[in-house]
Amino acid sequence: MHFGGIDSGSLSTDAAIISNDEVIAYSIIPTGASNRKAGEKAWRQTLDKAGVGEQNVGLVIATGYGRESVDFAHSSVTEITCHARGAHYLFPEVRTVIDVGGQDSKVIRVSEVGRVTDFVMNDKCAAGTGRFLEVMARALEIDLEEMGILSLKSSKEVTVSSTCTVFAESEVVGLVAAGHETRDILKAIHSAIAGRVAALGGRVGIEPEVVMTGGVAKNIGVVRVLEEKIGSELTVPAEPQIVGAVGAALIAAEKYRESIKAGTK
C-alpha cells in the first residue's frame, strides 16, 4: 500500500509518496495563485513519477499554509508536526528542527521518537523567510539560486539593521547606491535572516542534532551564518523542501494502520 503527503506552502507545493516507509517519488512545484490547483498538479506529477494509480494509495494527508485547500486529502495535520516527523525519519538523532519557508520560520524541539515537545513560530512578518530573500533578490537584480554562493565570497562587513522587509529593502537600495559590493550586501542580508531565526531558537533552546528544512535551507550563505549564530552545525537534507510532505505521508501510513487495527478500514 502507498501513502501520500501534500505540503501546500505559500511559495511552493510539495508532494511525496511512500511505500513500506520508503520515499518512492516526490514533486516540487511553484504554488502560484491557487493552492488548490497546485496541490492537484503536484499530486498528479508524483503519482506519475511513482507509477502508482490513485486507487493504490491508502491515505493522503495535507499540511502547510494551504492545507485546507487540498480537498482530495483525507485529512490535514499542522506543518509543525509534519516537519518534526519528516526530519526524524531522515535523521533519527534530530532534537531541533529549523524550518524556514516562504511565509514563516519555525524552530521545533523534537523528542527521541520524533514528537514535538516545543516550538516557536514567526508568521507575522516576512523578515526571516523565503519571501524576504525574494524581495532582496529583486532589489539586487540577482537570481535566488546565486545568492548563497556569492555571499560566501564577501570580504567586507556590511550591515542591514532593519527587521522589516520594506525598510530592509530601502537599506539595500541605499547600500547599492553607496557602491557596496553585491556579495557583501548579500552576506548582510543572510546575517539579518539568521539573526531573526537564531532569536526564535533562543526562546525554545537549540539542542543538537539540528536539522534545517524548507527552501531557504538550499541557500548555503544563510546556512553558514546561522551555524555561526547558534553555535551548532546544521544538517540539511538532500531535498529540504519535501520534509513536510514526507512527514505527512508517514503520518498517513500511521493513521491507516491504526484504522486497520481498530477495524474501521
Protein backbone atom coordinates (compact mmCIF):
# COMPACT_ATOMS: atom_id res chain seq x y z
CA MET A 1 0.00 0.00 0.00
CA HIS A 2 1.12 3.55 -0.78
CA PHE A 3 0.58 6.74 1.22
CA GLY A 4 0.79 10.38 0.26
CA GLY A 5 1.63 13.74 1.76
CA ILE A 6 0.99 17.21 0.32
CA ASP A 7 2.72 20.27 1.78
CA SER A 8 0.83 23.30 0.47
CA GLY A 9 3.07 26.32 1.02
CA SER A 10 2.89 29.96 0.04
CA LEU A 11 5.74 29.71 -2.48
CA SER A 12 5.94 26.00 -3.33
CA THR A 13 3.70 22.98 -3.12
CA ASP A 14 5.44 19.69 -2.42
CA ALA A 15 4.11 16.14 -2.66
CA ALA A 16 5.58 12.79 -1.64
CA ILE A 17 4.54 9.15 -1.89
CA ILE A 18 5.91 6.45 0.39
CA SER A 19 5.67 2.68 0.30
CA ASN A 20 6.91 0.46 3.16
CA ASP A 21 8.05 3.71 4.81
CA GLU A 22 10.37 4.49 1.89
CA VAL A 23 10.01 7.60 -0.29
CA ILE A 24 9.43 6.42 -3.85
CA ALA A 25 8.55 9.71 -5.56
CA TYR A 26 8.15 13.42 -4.91
CA SER A 27 7.42 16.67 -6.73
CA ILE A 28 8.05 20.35 -6.01
CA ILE A 29 6.17 23.00 -7.98
CA PRO A 30 5.52 26.74 -7.57
CA THR A 31 2.24 27.35 -5.76
CA GLY A 32 1.25 30.32 -7.90
CA ALA A 33 -2.16 31.89 -7.45
CA SER A 34 -4.08 28.77 -6.38
CA ASN A 35 -3.13 26.38 -3.58
CA ARG A 36 -5.86 24.01 -4.71
CA LYS A 37 -4.63 23.77 -8.33
CA ALA A 38 -1.01 23.50 -7.23
CA GLY A 39 -1.91 20.68 -4.83
CA GLU A 40 -3.66 18.75 -7.59
CA LYS A 41 -0.81 19.28 -10.05
CA ALA A 42 1.92 18.27 -7.59
CA TRP A 43 -0.05 15.16 -6.60
CA ARG A 44 -0.64 14.09 -10.23
CA GLN A 45 3.02 14.56 -11.06
CA THR A 46 4.06 12.48 -8.06
CA LEU A 47 1.62 9.68 -8.90
CA ASP A 48 3.04 9.61 -12.44
CA LYS A 49 6.64 9.52 -11.18
CA ALA A 50 5.81 6.68 -8.81
CA GLY A 51 3.87 4.78 -11.48
CA VAL A 52 1.05 4.39 -8.97
CA GLY A 53 -2.69 4.60 -9.55
CA GLU A 54 -4.73 6.70 -7.15
CA GLN A 55 -6.69 3.59 -6.18
CA ASN A 56 -3.48 2.13 -4.73
CA VAL A 57 -2.99 4.99 -2.27
CA GLY A 58 -4.46 4.19 1.11
CA LEU A 59 -4.49 7.66 2.63
CA VAL A 60 -3.36 11.20 1.79
CA ILE A 61 -2.57 13.83 4.44
CA ALA A 62 -2.26 17.56 3.67
CA THR A 63 -0.14 20.01 5.62
CA GLY A 64 1.21 23.52 5.27
CA TYR A 65 -0.17 27.02 4.87
CA GLY A 66 -2.81 25.98 2.31
CA ARG A 67 -3.64 22.52 3.65
CA GLU A 68 -7.38 23.19 3.88
CA SER A 69 -7.49 23.85 0.12
CA VAL A 70 -6.21 20.33 -0.70
CA ASP A 71 -9.72 18.94 -0.97
CA PHE A 72 -8.73 15.45 -2.17
CA ALA A 73 -6.71 14.79 1.01
CA HIS A 74 -8.39 12.60 3.61
CA SER A 75 -7.36 14.90 6.46
CA SER A 76 -4.82 17.55 7.43
CA VAL A 77 -2.09 17.90 10.06
CA THR A 78 -0.12 21.00 11.09
CA GLU A 79 3.23 21.59 9.45
CA ILE A 80 4.88 21.69 12.86
CA THR A 81 4.05 18.02 13.43
CA CYS A 82 4.87 17.01 9.85
CA HIS A 83 8.29 18.68 9.76
CA ALA A 84 9.19 17.07 13.07
CA ARG A 85 8.14 13.64 11.82
CA GLY A 86 9.84 14.03 8.45
CA ALA A 87 13.10 15.28 9.97
CA HIS A 88 13.13 12.42 12.49
CA TYR A 89 12.55 9.91 9.70
CA LEU A 90 15.58 11.26 7.81
CA PHE A 91 17.77 11.88 10.86
CA PRO A 92 16.67 9.87 13.92
CA GLU A 93 19.06 11.77 16.21
CA VAL A 94 17.41 15.14 15.47
CA ARG A 95 16.42 17.20 18.51
CA THR A 96 15.83 20.59 16.87
CA VAL A 97 14.26 21.39 13.51
CA ILE A 98 14.69 24.84 11.96
CA ASP A 99 12.21 25.30 9.14
CA VAL A 100 12.46 28.46 7.07
CA GLY A 101 9.78 28.56 4.42
CA GLY A 102 8.31 31.15 2.11
CA GLN A 103 5.97 32.79 4.59
CA ASP A 104 7.13 31.83 8.07
CA SER A 105 10.00 30.40 10.06
CA LYS A 106 9.84 27.90 12.91
CA VAL A 107 12.12 26.33 15.46
CA ILE A 108 10.80 22.99 16.70
CA ARG A 109 12.09 20.87 19.58
CA VAL A 110 11.74 17.15 18.89
CA SER A 111 11.73 14.13 21.19
CA GLU A 112 13.71 10.94 20.60
CA VAL A 113 10.66 9.43 18.87
CA GLY A 114 10.01 12.40 16.60
CA ARG A 115 7.23 14.06 18.59
CA VAL A 116 7.02 17.84 19.04
CA THR A 117 7.93 18.91 22.57
CA ASP A 118 8.01 22.68 21.99
CA PHE A 119 8.10 25.19 19.16
CA VAL A 120 8.12 28.87 18.32
CA MET A 121 6.98 30.40 15.05
CA ASN A 122 7.30 33.72 13.21
CA ASP A 123 4.28 34.12 10.95
CA LYS A 124 3.56 37.83 11.44
CA CYS A 125 6.37 39.31 9.35
CA ALA A 126 8.22 38.31 6.17
CA ALA A 127 11.61 39.03 7.75
CA GLY A 128 13.50 35.79 8.24
CA THR A 129 11.63 33.94 5.48
CA GLY A 130 11.96 32.97 1.84
CA ARG A 131 9.75 35.91 0.87
CA PHE A 132 12.35 38.23 2.39
CA LEU A 133 15.03 36.67 0.19
CA GLU A 134 12.82 37.02 -2.89
CA VAL A 135 12.36 40.74 -2.26
CA MET A 136 16.09 41.24 -1.74
CA ALA A 137 16.97 39.25 -4.87
CA ARG A 138 14.74 41.54 -6.91
CA ALA A 139 16.30 44.65 -5.33
CA LEU A 140 19.78 43.38 -6.23
CA GLU A 141 18.70 42.04 -9.64
CA ILE A 142 20.15 38.62 -8.89
CA ASP A 143 18.77 35.08 -9.12
CA LEU A 144 17.77 33.46 -5.84
CA GLU A 145 19.96 30.46 -6.65
CA GLU A 146 23.08 32.65 -6.90
CA MET A 147 22.71 34.41 -3.56
CA GLY A 148 24.23 31.81 -1.27
CA ILE A 149 27.44 31.02 -3.15
CA LEU A 150 28.13 34.67 -3.97
CA SER A 151 27.70 35.73 -0.33
CA LEU A 152 30.43 33.30 0.72
CA LYS A 153 32.89 35.47 -1.22
CA SER A 154 32.16 38.50 0.97
CA SER A 155 35.27 40.25 2.27
CA LYS A 156 33.83 43.38 3.88
CA GLU A 157 31.43 43.81 6.80
CA VAL A 158 28.15 45.47 5.82
CA THR A 159 25.02 45.68 7.94
CA VAL A 160 21.31 45.51 7.18
CA SER A 161 19.81 46.51 10.51
CA SER A 162 16.08 46.71 9.85
CA THR A 163 13.88 43.73 10.78
CA CYS A 164 11.10 44.97 8.47
CA THR A 165 11.23 43.75 4.87
CA VAL A 166 10.12 47.11 3.43
CA PHE A 167 12.70 49.11 5.37
CA ALA A 168 15.38 46.47 4.78
CA GLU A 169 14.79 46.76 1.03
CA SER A 170 15.35 50.52 1.30
CA GLU A 171 18.57 49.84 3.21
CA VAL A 172 19.76 47.51 0.46
CA VAL A 173 18.98 50.07 -2.24
CA GLY A 174 20.99 52.58 -0.22
CA LEU A 175 23.94 50.21 0.10
CA VAL A 176 23.92 49.66 -3.67
CA ALA A 177 23.86 53.40 -4.25
CA ALA A 178 26.80 53.79 -1.84
CA GLY A 179 28.84 51.43 -4.02
CA HIS A 180 28.99 48.37 -1.80
CA GLU A 181 29.72 45.04 -3.48
CA THR A 182 26.74 42.76 -4.07
CA ARG A 183 28.48 39.89 -2.28
CA ASP A 184 28.89 41.98 0.87
CA ILE A 185 25.27 43.13 0.80
CA LEU A 186 24.16 39.51 0.40
CA LYS A 187 26.18 38.48 3.46
CA ALA A 188 24.43 41.24 5.41
CA ILE A 189 21.01 40.07 4.19
CA HIS A 190 21.76 36.50 5.20
CA SER A 191 23.01 37.69 8.58
CA ALA A 192 19.74 39.57 9.13
CA ILE A 193 17.70 36.42 8.37
CA ALA A 194 19.95 34.24 10.52
CA GLY A 195 19.71 36.68 13.40
CA ARG A 196 15.93 36.59 13.29
CA VAL A 197 15.86 32.77 13.25
CA ALA A 198 18.52 32.48 15.97
CA ALA A 199 16.41 34.75 18.18
CA LEU A 200 13.47 32.39 17.71
CA GLY A 201 15.70 29.48 18.66
CA GLY A 202 16.76 31.25 21.82
CA ARG A 203 13.16 31.18 23.02
CA VAL A 204 12.85 27.38 22.97
CA GLY A 205 16.51 26.37 23.19
CA ILE A 206 18.51 24.72 20.43
CA GLU A 207 19.80 21.22 21.10
CA PRO A 208 21.91 19.24 18.58
CA GLU A 209 21.37 17.46 16.24
CA VAL A 210 19.88 20.44 14.40
CA VAL A 211 18.19 19.82 11.05
CA MET A 212 17.26 22.69 8.73
CA THR A 213 14.30 22.24 6.39
CA GLY A 214 12.43 24.42 3.89
CA GLY A 215 13.52 26.14 0.71
CA VAL A 216 15.86 28.60 2.45
CA ALA A 217 17.99 25.63 3.57
CA LYS A 218 19.19 25.48 -0.04
CA ASN A 219 20.91 28.84 0.46
CA ILE A 220 24.40 27.95 1.70
CA GLY A 221 25.01 31.56 2.75
CA VAL A 222 22.11 31.53 5.21
CA VAL A 223 23.13 28.10 6.49
CA ARG A 224 26.72 29.17 7.21
CA VAL A 225 25.78 32.40 9.01
CA LEU A 226 23.06 30.65 11.01
CA GLU A 227 25.55 28.00 12.13
CA GLU A 228 27.77 30.77 13.46
CA LYS A 229 24.93 32.48 15.30
CA ILE A 230 23.54 29.37 17.02
CA GLY A 231 26.94 27.77 17.63
CA SER A 232 25.91 24.44 16.12
CA GLU A 233 26.34 22.63 12.82
CA LEU A 234 23.22 22.35 10.69
CA THR A 235 22.26 19.13 8.94
CA VAL A 236 20.49 19.85 5.64
CA PRO A 237 18.56 17.05 3.89
CA ALA A 238 19.37 16.28 0.26
CA GLU A 239 16.00 17.85 -0.62
CA PRO A 240 14.95 20.08 2.30
CA GLN A 241 11.70 21.22 0.68
CA ILE A 242 9.97 17.83 0.88
CA VAL A 243 10.46 17.14 4.60
CA GLY A 244 6.95 18.32 5.50
CA ALA A 245 5.34 16.28 2.71
CA VAL A 246 7.30 13.18 3.74
CA GLY A 247 6.22 13.69 7.35
CA ALA A 248 2.60 13.98 6.21
CA ALA A 249 2.89 10.74 4.21
CA LEU A 250 4.38 8.92 7.22
CA ILE A 251 1.50 10.13 9.39
CA ALA A 252 -0.94 8.94 6.70
CA ALA A 253 0.62 5.46 6.87
CA GLU A 254 0.40 5.51 10.67
CA LYS A 255 -3.25 6.57 10.66
CA TYR A 256 -4.11 3.90 8.10
CA ARG A 257 -2.51 1.16 10.20
CA GLU A 258 -4.32 2.40 13.29
CA SER A 259 -7.63 2.25 11.44
CA ILE A 260 -6.90 -1.34 10.36
CA LYS A 261 -6.24 -2.33 13.97
CA ALA A 262 -9.40 -0.57 15.09
CA GLY A 263 -11.40 -2.35 12.40
CA THR A 264 -12.58 0.84 10.73
CA LYS A 265 -10.98 0.00 7.38
